[in-house]
Amino acid sequence: MAWPTGADVQQRTDITLTLTGSVYTTSYGLSVTEMISDAIAAAALECLRDPEYGFDEAEVTETFDGRSCLQVSHPPILSVSSLTSNSEEMDEGDYVIYPRDIKILDEDSKILLQSYAPVRPTRQLYSLIYTGGYSDSAVGTHKAIPRSLKAIILEMVVRELLRIDQRYRVYAGVSAAQIGSTDYRFTSDNALLSDLYRRLRDGPWTVIGI
């Protein structure tokens, strides 16, 4: 499942968009294609993801110091290429892969599970190379963009475009207007998207524990 397109936005807003090449624009020159890209980037930042990768599938290298649970910065984890402990390659049976973290089953952990006596674990430096994130395909190890995440991005763009279009179409591009005794402002404000940001933070694509 791919990200929303200008065609999706046009269908939801009933605002006519022109497609030139791969870019959708309004009659007053606003690029809705760029709005979608900006919304995806803003959502990635809200979810504490690395701006270099956003939500896109990518190979990532990370290091962890002294943890038995490696919480990654680019979930979901699709595959692990390499995991070393103090520069020694670990066997696949020494860890368990979850969508957002990897649980290390080192010897100290096994001893702690088998004994009531306190054991002081040794410090470890882990180096992890893995592929994480979403793609347009769900074939093989790829994971498609979640429908709920796509819906949030689309709603972000729809709300912003409807407000912008109202400003240009009805109020001739002004940044504020007075109707009766009520003042209206058309500049962006967080309240417009606050419920969507909450939904983003609650999603499985949000980075935790970093």
N, C-alpha and C. Protein backbone atom coordinates (compact mmCIF):
# COMPACT_ATOMS: atom_id res chain seq x y z
N MET A 1 0.84 -1.19 0.00
CA MET A 1 0.00 0.00 0.00
C MET A 1 0.88 1.25 0.00
N ALA A 2 0.72 2.06 -1.01
CA ALA A 2 1.56 3.25 -1.18
C ALA A 2 1.02 4.43 -0.37
N TRP A 3 1.82 5.48 -0.30
CA TRP A 3 1.38 6.71 0.35
C TRP A 3 0.24 7.35 -0.44
N PRO A 4 -0.53 8.23 0.19
CA PRO A 4 -1.60 8.92 -0.54
C PRO A 4 -1.03 9.73 -1.71
N THR A 5 -1.85 9.94 -2.71
CA THR A 5 -1.47 10.74 -3.87
C THR A 5 -2.40 11.94 -3.99
N GLY A 6 -2.07 12.81 -4.94
CA GLY A 6 -2.95 13.95 -5.19
C GLY A 6 -4.34 13.51 -5.60
N ALA A 7 -4.45 12.36 -6.29
CA ALA A 7 -5.76 11.84 -6.68
C ALA A 7 -6.60 11.51 -5.45
N ASP A 8 -5.97 10.95 -4.41
CA ASP A 8 -6.69 10.65 -3.17
C ASP A 8 -7.18 11.93 -2.51
N VAL A 9 -6.32 12.95 -2.50
CA VAL A 9 -6.68 14.23 -1.89
C VAL A 9 -7.82 14.88 -2.67
N GLN A 10 -7.74 14.85 -3.98
CA GLN A 10 -8.78 15.45 -4.81
C GLN A 10 -10.13 14.77 -4.56
N GLN A 11 -10.11 13.46 -4.43
CA GLN A 11 -11.35 12.72 -4.18
C GLN A 11 -11.97 13.10 -2.84
N ARG A 12 -11.13 13.31 -1.82
CA ARG A 12 -11.62 13.62 -0.49
C ARG A 12 -12.09 15.07 -0.36
N THR A 13 -11.47 15.99 -1.09
CA THR A 13 -11.76 17.41 -0.92
C THR A 13 -12.69 17.98 -1.98
N ASP A 14 -12.80 17.29 -3.12
CA ASP A 14 -13.54 17.80 -4.27
C ASP A 14 -12.93 19.09 -4.80
N ILE A 15 -11.63 19.27 -4.57
CA ILE A 15 -10.88 20.40 -5.12
C ILE A 15 -10.17 19.91 -6.38
N THR A 16 -10.38 20.60 -7.47
CA THR A 16 -9.78 20.17 -8.74
C THR A 16 -8.27 20.40 -8.72
N LEU A 17 -7.53 19.34 -9.04
CA LEU A 17 -6.08 19.42 -9.10
C LEU A 17 -5.62 19.07 -10.51
N THR A 18 -4.52 19.68 -10.91
CA THR A 18 -3.94 19.41 -12.23
C THR A 18 -2.69 18.56 -12.07
N LEU A 19 -2.61 17.49 -12.85
CA LEU A 19 -1.45 16.61 -12.80
C LEU A 19 -0.50 16.95 -13.94
N THR A 20 0.71 17.39 -13.59
CA THR A 20 1.75 17.69 -14.58
C THR A 20 2.95 16.82 -14.25
N GLY A 21 3.23 15.84 -15.13
CA GLY A 21 4.27 14.88 -14.79
C GLY A 21 3.78 14.01 -13.64
N SER A 22 4.42 14.15 -12.50
CA SER A 22 3.99 13.41 -11.32
C SER A 22 3.54 14.35 -10.19
N VAL A 23 3.34 15.63 -10.50
CA VAL A 23 3.03 16.64 -9.49
C VAL A 23 1.59 17.12 -9.63
N TYR A 24 0.85 17.08 -8.54
CA TYR A 24 -0.52 17.60 -8.49
C TYR A 24 -0.50 19.02 -7.92
N THR A 25 -1.14 19.96 -8.61
CA THR A 25 -1.18 21.34 -8.14
C THR A 25 -2.61 21.87 -8.21
N THR A 26 -2.87 22.91 -7.40
CA THR A 26 -4.16 23.59 -7.43
C THR A 26 -4.14 24.65 -8.53
N SER A 27 -5.29 25.29 -8.74
CA SER A 27 -5.39 26.33 -9.76
C SER A 27 -4.57 27.56 -9.41
N TYR A 28 -4.20 27.72 -8.12
CA TYR A 28 -3.39 28.85 -7.70
C TYR A 28 -1.94 28.44 -7.43
N GLY A 29 -1.53 27.28 -8.00
CA GLY A 29 -0.11 26.92 -8.01
C GLY A 29 0.41 26.20 -6.79
N LEU A 30 -0.45 25.79 -5.88
CA LEU A 30 0.00 25.07 -4.69
C LEU A 30 0.25 23.61 -5.03
N SER A 31 1.44 23.10 -4.71
CA SER A 31 1.78 21.71 -4.99
C SER A 31 1.26 20.81 -3.88
N VAL A 32 0.24 20.04 -4.19
CA VAL A 32 -0.30 19.10 -3.22
C VAL A 32 0.66 17.92 -3.05
N THR A 33 1.41 17.60 -4.09
CA THR A 33 2.42 16.54 -3.99
C THR A 33 3.46 16.90 -2.93
N GLU A 34 3.89 18.15 -2.90
CA GLU A 34 4.83 18.60 -1.87
C GLU A 34 4.17 18.60 -0.50
N MET A 35 2.89 18.95 -0.43
CA MET A 35 2.18 18.92 0.85
C MET A 35 2.18 17.51 1.43
N ILE A 36 2.00 16.51 0.58
CA ILE A 36 2.01 15.12 1.05
C ILE A 36 3.39 14.75 1.58
N SER A 37 4.44 15.12 0.83
CA SER A 37 5.81 14.84 1.29
C SER A 37 6.10 15.53 2.61
N ASP A 38 5.65 16.78 2.74
CA ASP A 38 5.86 17.53 4.00
C ASP A 38 5.11 16.88 5.15
N ALA A 39 3.90 16.39 4.89
CA ALA A 39 3.11 15.74 5.94
C ALA A 39 3.78 14.45 6.41
N ILE A 40 4.33 13.68 5.47
CA ILE A 40 5.03 12.45 5.84
C ILE A 40 6.26 12.77 6.68
N ALA A 41 7.01 13.82 6.29
CA ALA A 41 8.21 14.21 7.05
C ALA A 41 7.83 14.70 8.44
N ALA A 42 6.76 15.49 8.55
CA ALA A 42 6.31 15.98 9.86
C ALA A 42 5.86 14.83 10.75
N ALA A 43 5.17 13.87 10.16
CA ALA A 43 4.72 12.71 10.92
C ALA A 43 5.90 11.89 11.43
N ALA A 44 6.92 11.73 10.60
CA ALA A 44 8.10 10.97 11.01
C ALA A 44 8.80 11.64 12.20
N LEU A 45 8.90 12.97 12.16
CA LEU A 45 9.51 13.69 13.29
C LEU A 45 8.67 13.54 14.55
N GLU A 46 7.36 13.61 14.40
CA GLU A 46 6.46 13.45 15.55
C GLU A 46 6.64 12.08 16.19
N CYS A 47 6.98 11.09 15.36
CA CYS A 47 7.17 9.72 15.85
C CYS A 47 8.62 9.44 16.25
N LEU A 48 9.44 10.50 16.31
CA LEU A 48 10.84 10.41 16.74
C LEU A 48 11.71 9.56 15.82
N ARG A 49 11.34 9.49 14.55
CA ARG A 49 12.12 8.73 13.58
C ARG A 49 13.21 9.61 12.98
N ASP A 50 14.28 8.96 12.52
CA ASP A 50 15.40 9.67 11.90
C ASP A 50 14.92 10.32 10.61
N PRO A 51 15.09 11.66 10.46
CA PRO A 51 14.64 12.34 9.23
C PRO A 51 15.30 11.80 7.97
N GLU A 52 16.48 11.20 8.10
CA GLU A 52 17.17 10.66 6.92
C GLU A 52 16.38 9.53 6.27
N TYR A 53 15.68 8.76 7.10
CA TYR A 53 14.96 7.60 6.58
C TYR A 53 13.44 7.79 6.61
N GLY A 54 12.94 8.57 7.56
CA GLY A 54 11.50 8.72 7.70
C GLY A 54 10.86 7.38 8.00
N PHE A 55 9.88 6.99 7.19
CA PHE A 55 9.22 5.69 7.33
C PHE A 55 9.71 4.69 6.29
N ASP A 56 10.55 5.14 5.35
CA ASP A 56 10.92 4.30 4.21
C ASP A 56 11.84 3.16 4.60
N GLU A 57 11.67 2.04 3.92
CA GLU A 57 12.53 0.89 4.16
C GLU A 57 13.98 1.25 3.87
N ALA A 58 14.87 0.89 4.81
CA ALA A 58 16.29 1.23 4.66
C ALA A 58 17.12 0.30 5.54
N GLU A 59 18.39 0.16 5.16
CA GLU A 59 19.33 -0.57 6.01
C GLU A 59 19.96 0.41 6.98
N VAL A 60 19.98 0.04 8.25
CA VAL A 60 20.43 0.94 9.32
C VAL A 60 21.48 0.23 10.17
N THR A 61 22.48 0.98 10.60
CA THR A 61 23.48 0.46 11.53
C THR A 61 23.38 1.23 12.84
N GLU A 62 23.27 0.51 13.94
CA GLU A 62 23.16 1.15 15.25
C GLU A 62 24.04 0.43 16.26
N THR A 63 24.46 1.15 17.29
CA THR A 63 25.22 0.55 18.38
C THR A 63 24.48 0.77 19.70
N PHE A 64 24.66 -0.17 20.62
CA PHE A 64 23.99 -0.14 21.92
C PHE A 64 25.01 -0.52 22.98
N ASP A 65 24.95 0.14 24.11
CA ASP A 65 25.93 -0.10 25.18
C ASP A 65 25.24 -0.70 26.39
N GLY A 66 25.55 -1.96 26.66
CA GLY A 66 25.11 -2.58 27.91
C GLY A 66 23.63 -2.82 28.04
N ARG A 67 22.91 -3.05 26.97
CA ARG A 67 21.47 -3.31 27.06
C ARG A 67 21.17 -4.76 26.71
N SER A 68 20.14 -5.30 27.35
CA SER A 68 19.69 -6.65 26.98
C SER A 68 18.50 -6.59 26.05
N CYS A 69 17.95 -5.38 25.87
CA CYS A 69 16.85 -5.18 24.93
C CYS A 69 17.23 -4.01 24.02
N LEU A 70 17.44 -4.29 22.75
CA LEU A 70 17.89 -3.28 21.80
C LEU A 70 16.66 -2.69 21.10
N GLN A 71 16.28 -1.48 21.50
CA GLN A 71 15.11 -0.82 20.92
C GLN A 71 15.58 0.06 19.77
N VAL A 72 15.19 -0.30 18.56
CA VAL A 72 15.76 0.31 17.36
C VAL A 72 15.08 1.63 17.02
N SER A 73 15.74 2.40 16.16
CA SER A 73 15.25 3.72 15.78
C SER A 73 14.50 3.73 14.45
N HIS A 74 14.42 2.54 13.79
CA HIS A 74 13.75 2.51 12.49
C HIS A 74 12.85 1.27 12.37
N PRO A 75 11.85 1.17 13.25
CA PRO A 75 10.95 0.03 13.17
C PRO A 75 10.00 0.15 11.98
N PRO A 76 9.38 -0.96 11.58
CA PRO A 76 9.54 -2.31 12.13
C PRO A 76 10.80 -2.99 11.58
N ILE A 77 11.38 -3.88 12.38
CA ILE A 77 12.54 -4.64 11.93
C ILE A 77 12.07 -5.69 10.93
N LEU A 78 12.67 -5.69 9.75
CA LEU A 78 12.31 -6.65 8.70
C LEU A 78 13.27 -7.83 8.66
N SER A 79 14.55 -7.53 8.83
CA SER A 79 15.57 -8.58 8.83
C SER A 79 16.82 -8.04 9.50
N VAL A 80 17.64 -8.95 10.01
CA VAL A 80 18.90 -8.59 10.65
C VAL A 80 20.05 -9.15 9.83
N SER A 81 20.96 -8.28 9.40
CA SER A 81 22.12 -8.71 8.62
C SER A 81 23.26 -9.15 9.53
N SER A 82 23.42 -8.41 10.64
CA SER A 82 24.54 -8.71 11.53
C SER A 82 24.24 -8.17 12.93
N LEU A 83 24.59 -8.95 13.94
CA LEU A 83 24.52 -8.50 15.33
C LEU A 83 25.76 -9.02 16.04
N THR A 84 26.60 -8.09 16.50
CA THR A 84 27.82 -8.47 17.19
C THR A 84 27.78 -7.99 18.64
N SER A 85 28.44 -8.76 19.51
CA SER A 85 28.59 -8.40 20.92
C SER A 85 30.08 -8.31 21.20
N ASN A 86 30.52 -7.09 21.54
CA ASN A 86 31.97 -6.86 21.75
C ASN A 86 32.77 -7.38 20.55
N SER A 87 32.27 -7.05 19.35
CA SER A 87 32.91 -7.36 18.07
C SER A 87 32.83 -8.82 17.67
N GLU A 88 32.13 -9.66 18.44
CA GLU A 88 31.98 -11.07 18.08
C GLU A 88 30.56 -11.30 17.54
N GLU A 89 30.49 -11.96 16.38
CA GLU A 89 29.20 -12.22 15.75
C GLU A 89 28.35 -13.14 16.63
N MET A 90 27.09 -12.75 16.82
CA MET A 90 26.19 -13.55 17.64
C MET A 90 25.41 -14.53 16.76
N ASP A 91 25.10 -15.70 17.31
CA ASP A 91 24.28 -16.68 16.61
C ASP A 91 22.82 -16.26 16.66
N GLU A 92 22.03 -16.69 15.67
CA GLU A 92 20.61 -16.33 15.63
C GLU A 92 19.86 -16.84 16.86
N GLY A 93 20.33 -17.92 17.46
CA GLY A 93 19.68 -18.46 18.65
C GLY A 93 19.96 -17.67 19.91
N ASP A 94 20.82 -16.65 19.82
CA ASP A 94 21.17 -15.86 21.00
C ASP A 94 20.30 -14.62 21.17
N TYR A 95 19.36 -14.41 20.25
CA TYR A 95 18.49 -13.24 20.37
C TYR A 95 17.15 -13.51 19.70
N VAL A 96 16.16 -12.72 20.08
CA VAL A 96 14.81 -12.84 19.53
C VAL A 96 14.44 -11.49 18.91
N ILE A 97 13.94 -11.52 17.68
CA ILE A 97 13.60 -10.29 16.96
C ILE A 97 12.12 -9.99 17.10
N TYR A 98 11.80 -8.79 17.53
CA TYR A 98 10.43 -8.28 17.59
C TYR A 98 10.33 -7.09 16.63
N PRO A 99 9.11 -6.59 16.36
CA PRO A 99 8.99 -5.48 15.40
C PRO A 99 9.78 -4.23 15.78
N ARG A 100 9.85 -3.90 17.09
CA ARG A 100 10.52 -2.66 17.49
C ARG A 100 11.77 -2.87 18.33
N ASP A 101 12.10 -4.10 18.66
CA ASP A 101 13.29 -4.33 19.48
C ASP A 101 13.80 -5.75 19.31
N ILE A 102 15.01 -5.96 19.84
CA ILE A 102 15.64 -7.28 19.83
C ILE A 102 16.00 -7.63 21.26
N LYS A 103 15.56 -8.78 21.71
CA LYS A 103 15.87 -9.26 23.05
C LYS A 103 17.10 -10.14 23.00
N ILE A 104 18.12 -9.76 23.76
CA ILE A 104 19.37 -10.51 23.81
C ILE A 104 19.25 -11.64 24.82
N LEU A 105 19.55 -12.86 24.39
CA LEU A 105 19.53 -14.01 25.28
C LEU A 105 20.97 -14.45 25.55
N ASP A 106 21.74 -13.55 26.18
CA ASP A 106 23.14 -13.89 26.45
C ASP A 106 23.23 -14.78 27.69
N GLU A 107 24.44 -15.24 27.99
CA GLU A 107 24.63 -16.17 29.09
C GLU A 107 24.20 -15.58 30.42
N ASP A 108 24.48 -14.30 30.63
CA ASP A 108 24.10 -13.67 31.89
C ASP A 108 22.58 -13.70 32.07
N SER A 109 21.86 -13.44 30.99
CA SER A 109 20.40 -13.46 31.06
C SER A 109 19.90 -14.86 31.41
N LYS A 110 20.50 -15.88 30.79
CA LYS A 110 20.09 -17.25 31.07
C LYS A 110 20.36 -17.62 32.53
N ILE A 111 21.49 -17.18 33.06
CA ILE A 111 21.80 -17.45 34.46
C ILE A 111 20.79 -16.77 35.38
N LEU A 112 20.44 -15.52 35.05
CA LEU A 112 19.48 -14.79 35.87
C LEU A 112 18.12 -15.47 35.89
N LEU A 113 17.74 -16.08 34.78
CA LEU A 113 16.46 -16.76 34.71
C LEU A 113 16.47 -18.08 35.49
N GLN A 114 17.65 -18.67 35.66
CA GLN A 114 17.76 -19.99 36.27
C GLN A 114 18.17 -19.96 37.75
N SER A 115 18.48 -18.80 38.27
CA SER A 115 19.02 -18.75 39.62
C SER A 115 18.37 -17.64 40.43
N TYR A 116 18.19 -17.88 41.72
CA TYR A 116 17.68 -16.85 42.62
C TYR A 116 18.79 -15.92 43.09
N ALA A 117 20.05 -16.34 42.93
CA ALA A 117 21.17 -15.52 43.38
C ALA A 117 21.39 -14.37 42.41
N PRO A 118 21.64 -13.16 42.94
CA PRO A 118 21.88 -12.02 42.06
C PRO A 118 23.18 -12.20 41.28
N VAL A 119 23.14 -11.89 39.99
CA VAL A 119 24.32 -11.99 39.13
C VAL A 119 24.55 -10.64 38.48
N ARG A 120 25.75 -10.15 38.54
CA ARG A 120 26.07 -8.87 37.93
C ARG A 120 26.45 -9.09 36.47
N PRO A 121 25.60 -8.64 35.51
CA PRO A 121 25.91 -8.86 34.09
C PRO A 121 27.12 -8.04 33.64
N THR A 122 27.86 -8.60 32.70
CA THR A 122 29.00 -7.87 32.16
C THR A 122 28.51 -6.85 31.13
N ARG A 123 29.27 -5.77 30.98
CA ARG A 123 28.91 -4.74 30.02
C ARG A 123 29.20 -5.23 28.61
N GLN A 124 28.29 -4.94 27.71
CA GLN A 124 28.43 -5.38 26.33
C GLN A 124 28.26 -4.18 25.40
N LEU A 125 28.97 -4.22 24.28
CA LEU A 125 28.78 -3.24 23.23
C LEU A 125 28.24 -3.99 22.02
N TYR A 126 27.00 -3.69 21.67
CA TYR A 126 26.35 -4.37 20.56
C TYR A 126 26.37 -3.49 19.31
N SER A 127 26.62 -4.12 18.18
CA SER A 127 26.53 -3.43 16.89
C SER A 127 25.52 -4.20 16.04
N LEU A 128 24.53 -3.46 15.55
CA LEU A 128 23.42 -4.08 14.84
C LEU A 128 23.27 -3.49 13.44
N ILE A 129 23.20 -4.35 12.45
CA ILE A 129 22.88 -3.93 11.08
C ILE A 129 21.57 -4.62 10.71
N TYR A 130 20.56 -3.84 10.41
CA TYR A 130 19.26 -4.42 10.12
C TYR A 130 18.54 -3.59 9.06
N THR A 131 17.51 -4.19 8.48
CA THR A 131 16.64 -3.48 7.54
C THR A 131 15.31 -3.25 8.23
N GLY A 132 14.86 -2.00 8.20
CA GLY A 132 13.60 -1.67 8.85
C GLY A 132 12.80 -0.67 8.02
N GLY A 133 11.58 -0.41 8.45
CA GLY A 133 10.73 0.56 7.77
C GLY A 133 9.69 -0.09 6.87
N TYR A 134 8.98 0.77 6.14
CA TYR A 134 7.85 0.34 5.30
C TYR A 134 8.15 0.57 3.82
N SER A 135 7.42 -0.16 2.98
CA SER A 135 7.54 0.01 1.54
C SER A 135 6.15 -0.10 0.91
N ASP A 136 6.10 0.03 -0.42
CA ASP A 136 4.82 -0.09 -1.14
C ASP A 136 4.39 -1.54 -1.30
N SER A 137 5.24 -2.48 -0.91
CA SER A 137 4.98 -3.89 -1.14
C SER A 137 4.96 -4.66 0.18
N ALA A 138 4.17 -5.72 0.20
CA ALA A 138 4.15 -6.62 1.35
C ALA A 138 4.71 -7.99 0.99
N VAL A 139 5.40 -8.06 -0.16
CA VAL A 139 5.95 -9.32 -0.66
C VAL A 139 7.25 -9.64 0.09
N GLY A 140 7.44 -10.91 0.40
CA GLY A 140 8.68 -11.33 1.06
C GLY A 140 8.81 -10.72 2.44
N THR A 141 9.99 -10.16 2.71
CA THR A 141 10.22 -9.55 4.03
C THR A 141 9.73 -8.10 4.10
N HIS A 142 9.27 -7.54 2.97
CA HIS A 142 8.80 -6.16 2.97
C HIS A 142 7.51 -6.03 3.78
N LYS A 143 7.33 -4.86 4.36
CA LYS A 143 6.09 -4.59 5.11
C LYS A 143 5.44 -3.34 4.53
N ALA A 144 4.21 -3.48 4.12
CA ALA A 144 3.49 -2.37 3.49
C ALA A 144 3.17 -1.29 4.51
N ILE A 145 3.05 -0.07 4.03
CA ILE A 145 2.66 1.05 4.89
C ILE A 145 1.31 0.73 5.52
N PRO A 146 1.19 0.81 6.84
CA PRO A 146 -0.09 0.49 7.49
C PRO A 146 -1.23 1.38 6.98
N ARG A 147 -2.39 0.78 6.81
CA ARG A 147 -3.54 1.54 6.34
C ARG A 147 -3.86 2.72 7.29
N SER A 148 -3.71 2.48 8.59
CA SER A 148 -4.03 3.54 9.56
C SER A 148 -3.05 4.71 9.45
N LEU A 149 -1.76 4.42 9.17
CA LEU A 149 -0.78 5.49 9.00
C LEU A 149 -1.07 6.28 7.73
N LYS A 150 -1.38 5.57 6.66
CA LYS A 150 -1.73 6.25 5.40
C LYS A 150 -2.95 7.15 5.60
N ALA A 151 -3.93 6.68 6.37
CA ALA A 151 -5.15 7.47 6.61
C ALA A 151 -4.84 8.75 7.37
N ILE A 152 -3.91 8.67 8.33
CA ILE A 152 -3.54 9.86 9.09
C ILE A 152 -2.86 10.89 8.19
N ILE A 153 -1.94 10.44 7.36
CA ILE A 153 -1.24 11.35 6.44
C ILE A 153 -2.24 12.01 5.50
N LEU A 154 -3.14 11.23 4.95
CA LEU A 154 -4.15 11.78 4.04
C LEU A 154 -5.01 12.82 4.74
N GLU A 155 -5.42 12.53 5.96
CA GLU A 155 -6.26 13.48 6.69
C GLU A 155 -5.50 14.76 7.01
N MET A 156 -4.21 14.66 7.31
CA MET A 156 -3.39 15.85 7.55
C MET A 156 -3.41 16.77 6.34
N VAL A 157 -3.21 16.19 5.16
CA VAL A 157 -3.15 16.98 3.93
C VAL A 157 -4.53 17.55 3.60
N VAL A 158 -5.55 16.74 3.76
CA VAL A 158 -6.92 17.19 3.46
C VAL A 158 -7.29 18.39 4.31
N ARG A 159 -7.03 18.32 5.60
CA ARG A 159 -7.38 19.44 6.49
C ARG A 159 -6.63 20.71 6.12
N GLU A 160 -5.33 20.57 5.88
CA GLU A 160 -4.53 21.75 5.53
C GLU A 160 -4.98 22.34 4.19
N LEU A 161 -5.24 21.47 3.22
CA LEU A 161 -5.64 21.97 1.90
C LEU A 161 -7.00 22.65 1.95
N LEU A 162 -7.94 22.08 2.69
CA LEU A 162 -9.26 22.70 2.79
C LEU A 162 -9.17 24.09 3.41
N ARG A 163 -8.32 24.24 4.40
CA ARG A 163 -8.16 25.56 5.03
C ARG A 163 -7.49 26.53 4.05
N ILE A 164 -6.44 26.08 3.39
CA ILE A 164 -5.75 26.94 2.43
C ILE A 164 -6.68 27.31 1.28
N ASP A 165 -7.42 26.34 0.79
CA ASP A 165 -8.32 26.60 -0.34
C ASP A 165 -9.42 27.59 0.05
N GLN A 166 -9.92 27.46 1.26
CA GLN A 166 -10.92 28.41 1.75
C GLN A 166 -10.35 29.82 1.78
N ARG A 167 -9.11 29.92 2.21
CA ARG A 167 -8.47 31.24 2.28
C ARG A 167 -8.33 31.85 0.89
N TYR A 168 -7.86 31.08 -0.08
CA TYR A 168 -7.63 31.63 -1.42
C TYR A 168 -8.93 31.85 -2.18
N ARG A 169 -9.84 30.89 -2.07
CA ARG A 169 -11.03 30.92 -2.91
C ARG A 169 -12.06 31.94 -2.40
N VAL A 170 -12.21 32.02 -1.08
CA VAL A 170 -13.25 32.88 -0.52
C VAL A 170 -12.70 34.21 -0.03
N TYR A 171 -11.50 34.17 0.55
CA TYR A 171 -10.97 35.38 1.18
C TYR A 171 -9.80 35.98 0.43
N ALA A 172 -9.61 35.58 -0.83
CA ALA A 172 -8.64 36.22 -1.73
C ALA A 172 -7.22 36.25 -1.18
N GLY A 173 -6.83 35.23 -0.45
CA GLY A 173 -5.45 35.11 -0.03
C GLY A 173 -5.07 35.84 1.24
N VAL A 174 -6.04 36.44 1.95
CA VAL A 174 -5.69 37.15 3.18
C VAL A 174 -5.33 36.13 4.26
N SER A 175 -4.58 36.58 5.27
CA SER A 175 -4.18 35.68 6.36
C SER A 175 -5.19 35.68 7.50
N ALA A 176 -6.14 36.65 7.49
CA ALA A 176 -7.15 36.72 8.54
C ALA A 176 -8.37 37.44 8.00
N ALA A 177 -9.51 37.18 8.62
CA ALA A 177 -10.75 37.83 8.18
C ALA A 177 -11.68 37.99 9.38
N GLN A 178 -12.59 38.97 9.29
CA GLN A 178 -13.58 39.18 10.35
C GLN A 178 -14.97 38.99 9.75
N ILE A 179 -15.74 38.10 10.34
CA ILE A 179 -17.11 37.84 9.90
C ILE A 179 -18.01 38.14 11.08
N GLY A 180 -18.76 39.24 10.99
CA GLY A 180 -19.54 39.68 12.13
C GLY A 180 -18.61 40.08 13.26
N SER A 181 -18.79 39.47 14.40
CA SER A 181 -17.93 39.78 15.56
C SER A 181 -16.84 38.74 15.76
N THR A 182 -16.69 37.82 14.80
CA THR A 182 -15.73 36.73 14.96
C THR A 182 -14.53 36.92 14.05
N ASP A 183 -13.34 36.75 14.60
CA ASP A 183 -12.10 36.82 13.83
C ASP A 183 -11.68 35.42 13.42
N TYR A 184 -11.28 35.27 12.16
CA TYR A 184 -10.78 34.00 11.64
C TYR A 184 -9.35 34.19 11.16
N ARG A 185 -8.48 33.25 11.55
CA ARG A 185 -7.11 33.27 11.08
C ARG A 185 -6.84 32.00 10.30
N PHE A 186 -6.08 32.13 9.22
CA PHE A 186 -5.84 30.99 8.35
C PHE A 186 -4.41 30.47 8.43
N THR A 187 -3.60 31.04 9.30
CA THR A 187 -2.25 30.51 9.48
C THR A 187 -2.33 29.16 10.18
N SER A 188 -1.33 28.32 9.92
CA SER A 188 -1.35 26.97 10.49
C SER A 188 -1.29 27.02 12.00
N ASP A 189 -2.05 26.13 12.64
CA ASP A 189 -1.94 26.04 14.09
C ASP A 189 -2.07 24.58 14.49
N ASN A 190 -1.41 24.23 15.61
CA ASN A 190 -1.30 22.84 16.00
C ASN A 190 -2.64 22.21 16.33
N ALA A 191 -3.62 23.01 16.73
CA ALA A 191 -4.92 22.47 17.09
C ALA A 191 -5.59 21.76 15.91
N LEU A 192 -5.29 22.21 14.71
CA LEU A 192 -5.89 21.63 13.52
C LEU A 192 -5.54 20.15 13.39
N LEU A 193 -4.34 19.77 13.82
CA LEU A 193 -3.86 18.41 13.63
C LEU A 193 -3.57 17.69 14.95
N SER A 194 -3.94 18.27 16.07
CA SER A 194 -3.55 17.73 17.37
C SER A 194 -4.05 16.31 17.58
N ASP A 195 -5.28 16.00 17.16
CA ASP A 195 -5.79 14.64 17.34
C ASP A 195 -5.04 13.65 16.45
N LEU A 196 -4.61 14.12 15.28
CA LEU A 196 -3.85 13.24 14.38
C LEU A 196 -2.45 12.97 14.94
N TYR A 197 -1.84 13.98 15.56
CA TYR A 197 -0.54 13.77 16.18
C TYR A 197 -0.64 12.76 17.32
N ARG A 198 -1.72 12.81 18.07
CA ARG A 198 -1.91 11.81 19.15
C ARG A 198 -2.00 10.41 18.56
N ARG A 199 -2.73 10.26 17.46
CA ARG A 199 -2.84 8.95 16.82
C ARG A 199 -1.48 8.49 16.28
N LEU A 200 -0.69 9.42 15.78
CA LEU A 200 0.65 9.07 15.30
C LEU A 200 1.51 8.53 16.44
N ARG A 201 1.49 9.24 17.57
CA ARG A 201 2.34 8.84 18.70
C ARG A 201 1.93 7.49 19.28
N ASP A 202 0.66 7.12 19.13
CA ASP A 202 0.18 5.86 19.67
C ASP A 202 0.41 4.68 18.73
N GLY A 203 0.90 4.92 17.53
CA GLY A 203 1.05 3.87 16.54
C GLY A 203 2.29 3.03 16.72
N PRO A 204 2.31 1.83 16.15
CA PRO A 204 3.47 0.93 16.27
C PRO A 204 4.69 1.40 15.50
N TRP A 205 4.55 2.47 14.70
CA TRP A 205 5.66 3.02 13.93
C TRP A 205 6.46 4.05 14.73
N THR A 206 6.00 4.38 15.96
CA THR A 206 6.68 5.37 16.79
C THR A 206 7.88 4.74 17.50
N VAL A 207 8.98 5.45 17.54
CA VAL A 207 10.20 4.97 18.19
C VAL A 207 10.06 5.13 19.70
N ILE A 208 10.42 4.09 20.44
CA ILE A 208 10.34 4.15 21.90
C ILE A 208 11.68 3.80 22.51
N GLY A 209 11.94 4.36 23.67
CA GLY A 209 13.10 3.96 24.46
C GLY A 209 14.44 4.37 23.92
N ILE A 210 14.48 5.35 22.98
CA ILE A 210 15.77 5.79 22.43
C ILE A 210 16.26 7.00 23.20
